[in-house]
Amino acid sequence: MADDGDVLGRIHQLVDAEHALRERVGRGEITTDDEHAQLRSLEQQLDQCWDLLRQRRARAAAGQDPDDAEVRPVSEVEGYLS
């Protein structure tokens, strides 16, 4: 199981990928349609990572093992209300 640092590292990688994608569209290397499809995937992965990190921190705060937290499916994470 990943620890909080691993999850944060993955979040930073995804944010970097998002920035690179926006730069590529700015240079005309990909279309905006391609950008939107790839951004959607990145956003979903980011949502899953943030959810996992919140789960881990909540478990630790409750005296539970944070390693019992699991990545939830996109359909579940994307269904949360803000």
Protein backbone atom coordinates (compact mmCIF):
# COMPACT_ATOMS: atom_id res chain seq x y z
CA MET A 1 0.00 0.00 0.00
CA ALA A 2 1.21 3.48 -0.80
CA ASP A 3 1.85 5.91 2.02
CA ASP A 4 0.74 9.55 2.08
CA GLY A 5 4.00 10.65 0.46
CA ASP A 6 3.47 8.23 -2.42
CA VAL A 7 -0.08 9.49 -2.96
CA LEU A 8 1.09 13.12 -2.86
CA GLY A 9 3.86 12.25 -5.32
CA ARG A 10 1.29 10.77 -7.70
CA ILE A 11 -0.85 13.90 -7.34
CA HIS A 12 2.14 16.05 -8.30
CA GLN A 13 2.85 13.82 -11.32
CA LEU A 14 -0.74 14.17 -12.51
CA VAL A 15 -0.69 17.95 -12.06
CA ASP A 16 2.57 18.11 -14.05
CA ALA A 17 0.96 15.99 -16.78
CA GLU A 18 -1.99 18.39 -16.84
CA HIS A 19 0.32 21.37 -17.27
CA ALA A 20 2.25 19.61 -20.04
CA LEU A 21 -1.00 18.78 -21.81
CA ARG A 22 -2.09 22.42 -21.73
CA GLU A 23 1.30 23.47 -23.11
CA ARG A 24 0.96 20.94 -25.95
CA VAL A 25 -2.43 22.31 -26.95
CA GLY A 26 -1.01 25.84 -26.75
CA ARG A 27 1.72 24.85 -29.21
CA GLY A 28 -0.82 23.23 -31.53
CA GLU A 29 0.58 19.73 -31.02
CA ILE A 30 -2.84 18.30 -30.11
CA THR A 31 -6.40 19.38 -30.69
CA THR A 32 -8.63 20.77 -27.98
CA ASP A 33 -10.83 17.68 -28.36
CA ASP A 34 -7.82 15.48 -27.54
CA GLU A 35 -6.94 17.79 -24.68
CA HIS A 36 -10.42 17.54 -23.19
CA ALA A 37 -10.43 13.74 -23.34
CA GLN A 38 -7.00 13.49 -21.74
CA LEU A 39 -7.83 16.16 -19.15
CA ARG A 40 -10.94 14.24 -18.13
CA SER A 41 -8.84 11.15 -17.48
CA LEU A 42 -6.28 13.15 -15.49
CA GLU A 43 -9.02 14.82 -13.45
CA GLN A 44 -10.56 11.46 -12.61
CA GLN A 45 -7.21 10.08 -11.50
CA LEU A 46 -6.60 13.20 -9.41
CA ASP A 47 -10.00 12.84 -7.77
CA GLN A 48 -9.19 9.23 -6.89
CA CYS A 49 -5.83 10.23 -5.41
CA TRP A 50 -7.32 13.04 -3.32
CA ASP A 51 -10.04 10.69 -2.12
CA LEU A 52 -7.46 8.08 -1.13
CA LEU A 53 -5.40 10.68 0.72
CA ARG A 54 -8.49 11.90 2.60
CA GLN A 55 -9.38 8.32 3.50
CA ARG A 56 -5.86 7.65 4.78
CA ARG A 57 -5.80 10.81 6.88
CA ALA A 58 -9.28 10.19 8.29
CA ARG A 59 -8.33 6.63 9.24
CA ALA A 60 -5.13 7.80 10.92
CA ALA A 61 -7.02 10.52 12.83
CA ALA A 62 -9.52 7.90 14.01
CA GLY A 63 -6.75 5.61 15.23
CA GLN A 64 -7.27 3.15 12.38
CA ASP A 65 -4.70 1.76 9.97
CA PRO A 66 -4.39 4.15 7.00
CA ASP A 67 -3.12 1.24 4.90
CA ASP A 68 -6.64 -0.18 4.93
CA ALA A 69 -7.78 2.71 2.71
CA GLU A 70 -8.42 1.68 -0.89
CA VAL A 71 -8.68 3.47 -4.21
CA ARG A 72 -12.37 3.79 -4.98
CA PRO A 73 -13.78 3.43 -8.49
CA VAL A 74 -14.14 6.56 -10.61
CA SER A 75 -17.91 6.09 -10.68
CA GLU A 76 -18.01 6.36 -6.89
CA VAL A 77 -15.52 9.20 -6.48
CA GLU A 78 -17.09 11.25 -9.29
CA GLY A 79 -20.53 10.81 -7.71
CA TYR A 80 -19.69 12.73 -4.53
CA LEU A 81 -21.30 16.08 -3.96
CA SER A 82 -19.06 19.05 -3.24
